[in-house]
mmCIF file of all heavy atoms, coordinates in Angstrom:
data_MODEL
# 
_entry.id   MODEL 
# 
loop_
_atom_site.group_PDB 
_atom_site.id 
_atom_site.type_symbol 
_atom_site.label_atom_id 
_atom_site.label_alt_id 
_atom_site.label_comp_id 
_atom_site.label_asym_id 
_atom_site.label_entity_id 
_atom_site.label_seq_id 
_atom_site.pdbx_PDB_ins_code 
_atom_site.Cartn_x 
_atom_site.Cartn_y 
_atom_site.Cartn_z 
_atom_site.occupancy 
_atom_site.B_iso_or_equiv 
_atom_site.pdbx_formal_charge 
_atom_site.auth_seq_id 
_atom_site.auth_comp_id 
_atom_site.auth_asym_id 
_atom_site.auth_atom_id 
_atom_site.pdbx_PDB_model_num 
ATOM 1   N N   . GLY A 1 1  ? -18.807 9.358   -1.459  1.00 0.00 ? 1  GLY A N   1 
ATOM 2   C CA  . GLY A 1 1  ? -18.547 8.552   -0.273  1.00 0.00 ? 1  GLY A CA  1 
ATOM 3   C C   . GLY A 1 1  ? -17.069 8.435   0.044   1.00 0.00 ? 1  GLY A C   1 
ATOM 4   O O   . GLY A 1 1  ? -16.214 9.054   -0.609  1.00 0.00 ? 1  GLY A O   1 
ATOM 5   N N   . SER A 1 2  ? -16.787 7.622   1.064   1.00 0.00 ? 2  SER A N   1 
ATOM 6   C CA  . SER A 1 2  ? -15.416 7.460   1.548   1.00 0.00 ? 2  SER A CA  1 
ATOM 7   C C   . SER A 1 2  ? -15.073 5.990   1.719   1.00 0.00 ? 2  SER A C   1 
ATOM 8   O O   . SER A 1 2  ? -15.949 5.160   1.973   1.00 0.00 ? 2  SER A O   1 
ATOM 9   C CB  . SER A 1 2  ? -15.242 8.165   2.899   1.00 0.00 ? 2  SER A CB  1 
ATOM 10  O OG  . SER A 1 2  ? -15.478 9.547   2.812   1.00 0.00 ? 2  SER A OG  1 
ATOM 11  N N   . LEU A 1 3  ? -13.790 5.715   1.581   1.00 0.00 ? 3  LEU A N   1 
ATOM 12  C CA  . LEU A 1 3  ? -13.236 4.400   1.883   1.00 0.00 ? 3  LEU A CA  1 
ATOM 13  C C   . LEU A 1 3  ? -11.864 4.597   2.496   1.00 0.00 ? 3  LEU A C   1 
ATOM 14  O O   . LEU A 1 3  ? -11.191 5.600   2.210   1.00 0.00 ? 3  LEU A O   1 
ATOM 15  C CB  . LEU A 1 3  ? -13.099 3.543   0.623   1.00 0.00 ? 3  LEU A CB  1 
ATOM 16  C CG  . LEU A 1 3  ? -14.358 2.933   0.018   1.00 0.00 ? 3  LEU A CG  1 
ATOM 17  C CD1 . LEU A 1 3  ? -14.012 2.269   -1.318  1.00 0.00 ? 3  LEU A CD1 1 
ATOM 18  C CD2 . LEU A 1 3  ? -15.001 1.936   0.951   1.00 0.00 ? 3  LEU A CD2 1 
ATOM 19  N N   . ARG A 1 4  ? -11.443 3.616   3.292   1.00 0.00 ? 4  ARG A N   1 
ATOM 20  C CA  . ARG A 1 4  ? -10.095 3.648   3.847   1.00 0.00 ? 4  ARG A CA  1 
ATOM 21  C C   . ARG A 1 4  ? -9.398  2.345   3.511   1.00 0.00 ? 4  ARG A C   1 
ATOM 22  O O   . ARG A 1 4  ? -9.870  1.270   3.887   1.00 0.00 ? 4  ARG A O   1 
ATOM 23  C CB  . ARG A 1 4  ? -10.135 3.830   5.359   1.00 0.00 ? 4  ARG A CB  1 
ATOM 24  C CG  . ARG A 1 4  ? -8.749  4.064   5.973   1.00 0.00 ? 4  ARG A CG  1 
ATOM 25  C CD  . ARG A 1 4  ? -8.822  4.014   7.474   1.00 0.00 ? 4  ARG A CD  1 
ATOM 26  N NE  . ARG A 1 4  ? -7.613  4.533   8.106   1.00 0.00 ? 4  ARG A NE  1 
ATOM 27  C CZ  . ARG A 1 4  ? -7.128  4.097   9.272   1.00 0.00 ? 4  ARG A CZ  1 
ATOM 28  N NH1 . ARG A 1 4  ? -7.760  3.129   9.917   1.00 0.00 ? 4  ARG A NH1 1 
ATOM 29  N NH2 . ARG A 1 4  ? -6.037  4.621   9.787   1.00 0.00 ? 4  ARG A NH2 1 
ATOM 30  N N   . LEU A 1 5  ? -8.286  2.453   2.809   1.00 0.00 ? 5  LEU A N   1 
ATOM 31  C CA  . LEU A 1 5  ? -7.485  1.288   2.458   1.00 0.00 ? 5  LEU A CA  1 
ATOM 32  C C   . LEU A 1 5  ? -6.354  1.122   3.472   1.00 0.00 ? 5  LEU A C   1 
ATOM 33  O O   . LEU A 1 5  ? -5.807  2.102   3.970   1.00 0.00 ? 5  LEU A O   1 
ATOM 34  C CB  . LEU A 1 5  ? -6.892  1.430   1.061   1.00 0.00 ? 5  LEU A CB  1 
ATOM 35  C CG  . LEU A 1 5  ? -7.864  1.716   -0.082  1.00 0.00 ? 5  LEU A CG  1 
ATOM 36  C CD1 . LEU A 1 5  ? -7.101  1.770   -1.410  1.00 0.00 ? 5  LEU A CD1 1 
ATOM 37  C CD2 . LEU A 1 5  ? -8.960  0.690   -0.138  1.00 0.00 ? 5  LEU A CD2 1 
ATOM 38  N N   . SER A 1 6  ? -6.025  -0.136  3.741   1.00 0.00 ? 6  SER A N   1 
ATOM 39  C CA  . SER A 1 6  ? -4.906  -0.453  4.618   1.00 0.00 ? 6  SER A CA  1 
ATOM 40  C C   . SER A 1 6  ? -4.010  -1.465  3.927   1.00 0.00 ? 6  SER A C   1 
ATOM 41  O O   . SER A 1 6  ? -4.469  -2.294  3.146   1.00 0.00 ? 6  SER A O   1 
ATOM 42  C CB  . SER A 1 6  ? -5.397  -1.055  5.935   1.00 0.00 ? 6  SER A CB  1 
ATOM 43  O OG  . SER A 1 6  ? -6.220  -0.180  6.643   1.00 0.00 ? 6  SER A OG  1 
ATOM 44  N N   . CYS A 1 7  ? -2.725  -1.395  4.240   1.00 0.00 ? 7  CYS A N   1 
ATOM 45  C CA  . CYS A 1 7  ? -1.759  -2.346  3.683   1.00 0.00 ? 7  CYS A CA  1 
ATOM 46  C C   . CYS A 1 7  ? -0.742  -2.640  4.775   1.00 0.00 ? 7  CYS A C   1 
ATOM 47  O O   . CYS A 1 7  ? 0.009   -1.752  5.185   1.00 0.00 ? 7  CYS A O   1 
ATOM 48  C CB  . CYS A 1 7  ? -1.082  -1.766  2.456   1.00 0.00 ? 7  CYS A CB  1 
ATOM 49  S SG  . CYS A 1 7  ? 0.223   -2.811  1.773   1.00 0.00 ? 7  CYS A SG  1 
ATOM 50  N N   . ALA A 1 8  ? -0.733  -3.888  5.227   1.00 0.00 ? 8  ALA A N   1 
ATOM 51  C CA  . ALA A 1 8  ? 0.173   -4.293  6.292   1.00 0.00 ? 8  ALA A CA  1 
ATOM 52  C C   . ALA A 1 8  ? 1.289   -5.155  5.728   1.00 0.00 ? 8  ALA A C   1 
ATOM 53  O O   . ALA A 1 8  ? 1.044   -6.085  4.952   1.00 0.00 ? 8  ALA A O   1 
ATOM 54  C CB  . ALA A 1 8  ? -0.589  -5.069  7.364   1.00 0.00 ? 8  ALA A CB  1 
ATOM 55  N N   . ALA A 1 9  ? 2.508   -4.839  6.122   1.00 0.00 ? 9  ALA A N   1 
ATOM 56  C CA  . ALA A 1 9  ? 3.680   -5.578  5.658   1.00 0.00 ? 9  ALA A CA  1 
ATOM 57  C C   . ALA A 1 9  ? 4.172   -6.527  6.745   1.00 0.00 ? 9  ALA A C   1 
ATOM 58  O O   . ALA A 1 9  ? 4.167   -6.191  7.930   1.00 0.00 ? 9  ALA A O   1 
ATOM 59  C CB  . ALA A 1 9  ? 4.790   -4.611  5.279   1.00 0.00 ? 9  ALA A CB  1 
ATOM 60  N N   . SER A 1 10 ? 4.612   -7.690  6.315   1.00 0.00 ? 10 SER A N   1 
ATOM 61  C CA  . SER A 1 10 ? 5.203   -8.654  7.239   1.00 0.00 ? 10 SER A CA  1 
ATOM 62  C C   . SER A 1 10 ? 6.412   -9.290  6.573   1.00 0.00 ? 10 SER A C   1 
ATOM 63  O O   . SER A 1 10 ? 6.604   -9.174  5.362   1.00 0.00 ? 10 SER A O   1 
ATOM 64  C CB  . SER A 1 10 ? 4.186   -9.734  7.618   1.00 0.00 ? 10 SER A CB  1 
ATOM 65  O OG  . SER A 1 10 ? 3.756   -10.442 6.481   1.00 0.00 ? 10 SER A OG  1 
ATOM 66  N N   . GLY A 1 11 ? 7.227   -9.955  7.381   1.00 0.00 ? 11 GLY A N   1 
ATOM 67  C CA  . GLY A 1 11 ? 8.440   -10.560 6.851   1.00 0.00 ? 11 GLY A CA  1 
ATOM 68  C C   . GLY A 1 11 ? 9.653   -9.707  7.185   1.00 0.00 ? 11 GLY A C   1 
ATOM 69  O O   . GLY A 1 11 ? 9.762   -9.198  8.295   1.00 0.00 ? 11 GLY A O   1 
ATOM 70  N N   . THR A 1 12 ? 10.524  -9.502  6.210   1.00 0.00 ? 12 THR A N   1 
ATOM 71  C CA  . THR A 1 12 ? 11.753  -8.724  6.426   1.00 0.00 ? 12 THR A CA  1 
ATOM 72  C C   . THR A 1 12 ? 11.426  -7.245  6.305   1.00 0.00 ? 12 THR A C   1 
ATOM 73  O O   . THR A 1 12 ? 11.583  -6.636  5.253   1.00 0.00 ? 12 THR A O   1 
ATOM 74  C CB  . THR A 1 12 ? 12.824  -9.130  5.402   1.00 0.00 ? 12 THR A CB  1 
ATOM 75  O OG1 . THR A 1 12 ? 12.980  -10.543 5.412   1.00 0.00 ? 12 THR A OG1 1 
ATOM 76  C CG2 . THR A 1 12 ? 14.147  -8.461  5.735   1.00 0.00 ? 12 THR A CG2 1 
ATOM 77  N N   . THR A 1 13 ? 10.965  -6.672  7.388   1.00 0.00 ? 13 THR A N   1 
ATOM 78  C CA  . THR A 1 13 ? 10.463  -5.293  7.349   1.00 0.00 ? 13 THR A CA  1 
ATOM 79  C C   . THR A 1 13 ? 11.298  -4.343  8.175   1.00 0.00 ? 13 THR A C   1 
ATOM 80  O O   . THR A 1 13 ? 10.856  -3.236  8.472   1.00 0.00 ? 13 THR A O   1 
ATOM 81  C CB  . THR A 1 13 ? 9.015   -5.258  7.860   1.00 0.00 ? 13 THR A CB  1 
ATOM 82  O OG1 . THR A 1 13 ? 8.987   -5.780  9.198   1.00 0.00 ? 13 THR A OG1 1 
ATOM 83  C CG2 . THR A 1 13 ? 8.085   -6.061  6.977   1.00 0.00 ? 13 THR A CG2 1 
ATOM 84  N N   . PHE A 1 14 ? 12.520  -4.722  8.527   1.00 0.00 ? 14 PHE A N   1 
ATOM 85  C CA  . PHE A 1 14 ? 13.283  -3.894  9.451   1.00 0.00 ? 14 PHE A CA  1 
ATOM 86  C C   . PHE A 1 14 ? 13.764  -2.598  8.829   1.00 0.00 ? 14 PHE A C   1 
ATOM 87  O O   . PHE A 1 14 ? 14.211  -1.713  9.534   1.00 0.00 ? 14 PHE A O   1 
ATOM 88  C CB  . PHE A 1 14 ? 14.477  -4.676  10.004  1.00 0.00 ? 14 PHE A CB  1 
ATOM 89  C CG  . PHE A 1 14 ? 15.471  -5.073  8.943   1.00 0.00 ? 14 PHE A CG  1 
ATOM 90  C CD1 . PHE A 1 14 ? 16.535  -4.235  8.607   1.00 0.00 ? 14 PHE A CD1 1 
ATOM 91  C CD2 . PHE A 1 14 ? 15.347  -6.283  8.280   1.00 0.00 ? 14 PHE A CD2 1 
ATOM 92  C CE1 . PHE A 1 14 ? 17.437  -4.600  7.627   1.00 0.00 ? 14 PHE A CE1 1 
ATOM 93  C CE2 . PHE A 1 14 ? 16.256  -6.649  7.309   1.00 0.00 ? 14 PHE A CE2 1 
ATOM 94  C CZ  . PHE A 1 14 ? 17.306  -5.809  6.980   1.00 0.00 ? 14 PHE A CZ  1 
ATOM 95  N N   . SER A 1 15 ? 13.661  -2.463  7.504   1.00 0.00 ? 15 SER A N   1 
ATOM 96  C CA  . SER A 1 15 ? 14.160  -1.249  6.868   1.00 0.00 ? 15 SER A CA  1 
ATOM 97  C C   . SER A 1 15 ? 13.202  -0.782  5.756   1.00 0.00 ? 15 SER A C   1 
ATOM 98  O O   . SER A 1 15 ? 13.625  -0.596  4.623   1.00 0.00 ? 15 SER A O   1 
ATOM 99  C CB  . SER A 1 15 ? 15.554  -1.488  6.293   1.00 0.00 ? 15 SER A CB  1 
ATOM 100 O OG  . SER A 1 15 ? 16.097  -0.272  5.792   1.00 0.00 ? 15 SER A OG  1 
ATOM 101 N N   . ILE A 1 16 ? 11.948  -0.609  6.121   1.00 0.00 ? 16 ILE A N   1 
ATOM 102 C CA  . ILE A 1 16 ? 10.976  -0.149  5.133   1.00 0.00 ? 16 ILE A CA  1 
ATOM 103 C C   . ILE A 1 16 ? 11.207  1.326   4.850   1.00 0.00 ? 16 ILE A C   1 
ATOM 104 O O   . ILE A 1 16 ? 11.317  2.129   5.757   1.00 0.00 ? 16 ILE A O   1 
ATOM 105 C CB  . ILE A 1 16 ? 9.540   -0.362  5.627   1.00 0.00 ? 16 ILE A CB  1 
ATOM 106 C CG1 . ILE A 1 16 ? 9.244   -1.848  5.754   1.00 0.00 ? 16 ILE A CG1 1 
ATOM 107 C CG2 . ILE A 1 16 ? 8.545   0.287   4.663   1.00 0.00 ? 16 ILE A CG2 1 
ATOM 108 C CD1 . ILE A 1 16 ? 7.856   -2.151  6.286   1.00 0.00 ? 16 ILE A CD1 1 
ATOM 109 N N   . GLY A 1 17 ? 11.281  1.671   3.590   1.00 0.00 ? 17 GLY A N   1 
ATOM 110 C CA  . GLY A 1 17 ? 11.438  3.059   3.192   1.00 0.00 ? 17 GLY A CA  1 
ATOM 111 C C   . GLY A 1 17 ? 10.103  3.660   2.802   1.00 0.00 ? 17 GLY A C   1 
ATOM 112 O O   . GLY A 1 17 ? 9.142   3.608   3.547   1.00 0.00 ? 17 GLY A O   1 
ATOM 113 N N   . THR A 1 18 ? 10.049  4.184   1.600   1.00 0.00 ? 18 THR A N   1 
ATOM 114 C CA  . THR A 1 18 ? 8.828   4.806   1.125   1.00 0.00 ? 18 THR A CA  1 
ATOM 115 C C   . THR A 1 18 ? 7.713   3.769   0.962   1.00 0.00 ? 18 THR A C   1 
ATOM 116 O O   . THR A 1 18 ? 7.955   2.647   0.514   1.00 0.00 ? 18 THR A O   1 
ATOM 117 C CB  . THR A 1 18 ? 9.083   5.516   -0.199  1.00 0.00 ? 18 THR A CB  1 
ATOM 118 O OG1 . THR A 1 18 ? 10.048  6.558   0.004   1.00 0.00 ? 18 THR A OG1 1 
ATOM 119 C CG2 . THR A 1 18 ? 7.799   6.126   -0.766  1.00 0.00 ? 18 THR A CG2 1 
ATOM 120 N N   . MET A 1 19 ? 6.505   4.174   1.332   1.00 0.00 ? 19 MET A N   1 
ATOM 121 C CA  . MET A 1 19 ? 5.311   3.346   1.155   1.00 0.00 ? 19 MET A CA  1 
ATOM 122 C C   . MET A 1 19 ? 4.336   4.140   0.302   1.00 0.00 ? 19 MET A C   1 
ATOM 123 O O   . MET A 1 19 ? 4.234   5.367   0.453   1.00 0.00 ? 19 MET A O   1 
ATOM 124 C CB  . MET A 1 19 ? 4.679   2.998   2.507   1.00 0.00 ? 19 MET A CB  1 
ATOM 125 C CG  . MET A 1 19 ? 5.640   2.379   3.489   1.00 0.00 ? 19 MET A CG  1 
ATOM 126 S SD  . MET A 1 19 ? 4.899   2.056   5.108   1.00 0.00 ? 19 MET A SD  1 
ATOM 127 C CE  . MET A 1 19 ? 4.108   0.465   4.807   1.00 0.00 ? 19 MET A CE  1 
ATOM 128 N N   . GLY A 1 20 ? 3.624   3.462   -0.577  1.00 0.00 ? 20 GLY A N   1 
ATOM 129 C CA  . GLY A 1 20 ? 2.745   4.208   -1.458  1.00 0.00 ? 20 GLY A CA  1 
ATOM 130 C C   . GLY A 1 20 ? 1.568   3.407   -1.959  1.00 0.00 ? 20 GLY A C   1 
ATOM 131 O O   . GLY A 1 20 ? 1.467   2.197   -1.739  1.00 0.00 ? 20 GLY A O   1 
ATOM 132 N N   . TRP A 1 21 ? 0.675   4.122   -2.619  1.00 0.00 ? 21 TRP A N   1 
ATOM 133 C CA  . TRP A 1 21 ? -0.497  3.526   -3.251  1.00 0.00 ? 21 TRP A CA  1 
ATOM 134 C C   . TRP A 1 21 ? -0.508  3.894   -4.734  1.00 0.00 ? 21 TRP A C   1 
ATOM 135 O O   . TRP A 1 21 ? -0.286  5.059   -5.088  1.00 0.00 ? 21 TRP A O   1 
ATOM 136 C CB  . TRP A 1 21 ? -1.779  4.021   -2.592  1.00 0.00 ? 21 TRP A CB  1 
ATOM 137 C CG  . TRP A 1 21 ? -1.989  3.494   -1.218  1.00 0.00 ? 21 TRP A CG  1 
ATOM 138 C CD1 . TRP A 1 21 ? -1.637  4.095   -0.041  1.00 0.00 ? 21 TRP A CD1 1 
ATOM 139 C CD2 . TRP A 1 21 ? -2.589  2.247   -0.863  1.00 0.00 ? 21 TRP A CD2 1 
ATOM 140 N NE1 . TRP A 1 21 ? -1.975  3.293   1.018   1.00 0.00 ? 21 TRP A NE1 1 
ATOM 141 C CE2 . TRP A 1 21 ? -2.566  2.145   0.539   1.00 0.00 ? 21 TRP A CE2 1 
ATOM 142 C CE3 . TRP A 1 21 ? -3.136  1.196   -1.591  1.00 0.00 ? 21 TRP A CE3 1 
ATOM 143 C CZ2 . TRP A 1 21 ? -3.076  1.046   1.229   1.00 0.00 ? 21 TRP A CZ2 1 
ATOM 144 C CZ3 . TRP A 1 21 ? -3.647  0.104   -0.915  1.00 0.00 ? 21 TRP A CZ3 1 
ATOM 145 C CH2 . TRP A 1 21 ? -3.618  0.041   0.484   1.00 0.00 ? 21 TRP A CH2 1 
ATOM 146 N N   . TYR A 1 22 ? -0.761  2.909   -5.561  1.00 0.00 ? 22 TYR A N   1 
ATOM 147 C CA  . TYR A 1 22 ? -0.925  3.084   -6.990  1.00 0.00 ? 22 TYR A CA  1 
ATOM 148 C C   . TYR A 1 22 ? -2.312  2.559   -7.357  1.00 0.00 ? 22 TYR A C   1 
ATOM 149 O O   . TYR A 1 22 ? -2.936  1.826   -6.592  1.00 0.00 ? 22 TYR A O   1 
ATOM 150 C CB  . TYR A 1 22 ? 0.135   2.295   -7.760  1.00 0.00 ? 22 TYR A CB  1 
ATOM 151 C CG  . TYR A 1 22 ? 1.526   2.859   -7.655  1.00 0.00 ? 22 TYR A CG  1 
ATOM 152 C CD1 . TYR A 1 22 ? 2.251   2.798   -6.469  1.00 0.00 ? 22 TYR A CD1 1 
ATOM 153 C CD2 . TYR A 1 22 ? 2.123   3.470   -8.760  1.00 0.00 ? 22 TYR A CD2 1 
ATOM 154 C CE1 . TYR A 1 22 ? 3.531   3.326   -6.384  1.00 0.00 ? 22 TYR A CE1 1 
ATOM 155 C CE2 . TYR A 1 22 ? 3.403   3.993   -8.677  1.00 0.00 ? 22 TYR A CE2 1 
ATOM 156 C CZ  . TYR A 1 22 ? 4.102   3.922   -7.495  1.00 0.00 ? 22 TYR A CZ  1 
ATOM 157 O OH  . TYR A 1 22 ? 5.366   4.447   -7.413  1.00 0.00 ? 22 TYR A OH  1 
ATOM 158 N N   . ARG A 1 23 ? -2.760  2.940   -8.548  1.00 0.00 ? 23 ARG A N   1 
ATOM 159 C CA  . ARG A 1 23 ? -4.033  2.393   -9.020  1.00 0.00 ? 23 ARG A CA  1 
ATOM 160 C C   . ARG A 1 23 ? -3.963  2.143   -10.518 1.00 0.00 ? 23 ARG A C   1 
ATOM 161 O O   . ARG A 1 23 ? -3.196  2.797   -11.232 1.00 0.00 ? 23 ARG A O   1 
ATOM 162 C CB  . ARG A 1 23 ? -5.194  3.317   -8.686  1.00 0.00 ? 23 ARG A CB  1 
ATOM 163 C CG  . ARG A 1 23 ? -5.182  4.651   -9.408  1.00 0.00 ? 23 ARG A CG  1 
ATOM 164 C CD  . ARG A 1 23 ? -6.305  5.540   -8.889  1.00 0.00 ? 23 ARG A CD  1 
ATOM 165 N NE  . ARG A 1 23 ? -6.346  6.835   -9.569  1.00 0.00 ? 23 ARG A NE  1 
ATOM 166 C CZ  . ARG A 1 23 ? -7.137  7.839   -9.201  1.00 0.00 ? 23 ARG A CZ  1 
ATOM 167 N NH1 . ARG A 1 23 ? -7.962  7.702   -8.156  1.00 0.00 ? 23 ARG A NH1 1 
ATOM 168 N NH2 . ARG A 1 23 ? -7.117  8.980   -9.869  1.00 0.00 ? 23 ARG A NH2 1 
ATOM 169 N N   . GLN A 1 24 ? -4.784  1.206   -10.959 1.00 0.00 ? 24 GLN A N   1 
ATOM 170 C CA  . GLN A 1 24 ? -4.856  0.891   -12.372 1.00 0.00 ? 24 GLN A CA  1 
ATOM 171 C C   . GLN A 1 24 ? -6.307  0.679   -12.758 1.00 0.00 ? 24 GLN A C   1 
ATOM 172 O O   . GLN A 1 24 ? -6.968  -0.240  -12.265 1.00 0.00 ? 24 GLN A O   1 
ATOM 173 C CB  . GLN A 1 24 ? -4.029  -0.350  -12.706 1.00 0.00 ? 24 GLN A CB  1 
ATOM 174 C CG  . GLN A 1 24 ? -3.916  -0.620  -14.189 1.00 0.00 ? 24 GLN A CG  1 
ATOM 175 C CD  . GLN A 1 24 ? -2.839  -1.644  -14.506 1.00 0.00 ? 24 GLN A CD  1 
ATOM 176 O OE1 . GLN A 1 24 ? -2.404  -2.405  -13.655 1.00 0.00 ? 24 GLN A OE1 1 
ATOM 177 N NE2 . GLN A 1 24 ? -2.403  -1.660  -15.764 1.00 0.00 ? 24 GLN A NE2 1 
ATOM 178 N N   . ALA A 1 25 ? -6.786  1.541   -13.639 1.00 0.00 ? 25 ALA A N   1 
ATOM 179 C CA  . ALA A 1 25 ? -8.138  1.416   -14.171 1.00 0.00 ? 25 ALA A CA  1 
ATOM 180 C C   . ALA A 1 25 ? -8.092  0.577   -15.442 1.00 0.00 ? 25 ALA A C   1 
ATOM 181 O O   . ALA A 1 25 ? -7.046  0.474   -16.091 1.00 0.00 ? 25 ALA A O   1 
ATOM 182 C CB  . ALA A 1 25 ? -8.706  2.798   -14.458 1.00 0.00 ? 25 ALA A CB  1 
ATOM 183 N N   . PRO A 1 26 ? -9.215  -0.022  -15.827 1.00 0.00 ? 26 PRO A N   1 
ATOM 184 C CA  . PRO A 1 26 ? -9.237  -0.849  -17.041 1.00 0.00 ? 26 PRO A CA  1 
ATOM 185 C C   . PRO A 1 26 ? -8.752  -0.076  -18.255 1.00 0.00 ? 26 PRO A C   1 
ATOM 186 O O   . PRO A 1 26 ? -9.196  1.049   -18.505 1.00 0.00 ? 26 PRO A O   1 
ATOM 187 C CB  . PRO A 1 26 ? -10.712 -1.220  -17.178 1.00 0.00 ? 26 PRO A CB  1 
ATOM 188 C CG  . PRO A 1 26 ? -11.240 -1.177  -15.790 1.00 0.00 ? 26 PRO A CG  1 
ATOM 189 C CD  . PRO A 1 26 ? -10.504 -0.050  -15.123 1.00 0.00 ? 26 PRO A CD  1 
ATOM 190 N N   . GLY A 1 27 ? -7.817  -0.662  -18.987 1.00 0.00 ? 27 GLY A N   1 
ATOM 191 C CA  . GLY A 1 27 ? -7.319  -0.035  -20.200 1.00 0.00 ? 27 GLY A CA  1 
ATOM 192 C C   . GLY A 1 27 ? -6.331  1.088   -19.980 1.00 0.00 ? 27 GLY A C   1 
ATOM 193 O O   . GLY A 1 27 ? -5.918  1.743   -20.943 1.00 0.00 ? 27 GLY A O   1 
# 
């Protein structure tokens, strides 16, 4: 199957550089 993740930034965002996704599985 498929999923789509989103991540929205707010606040002091005038100079956002690299954006990324990390994951952590149990253990």
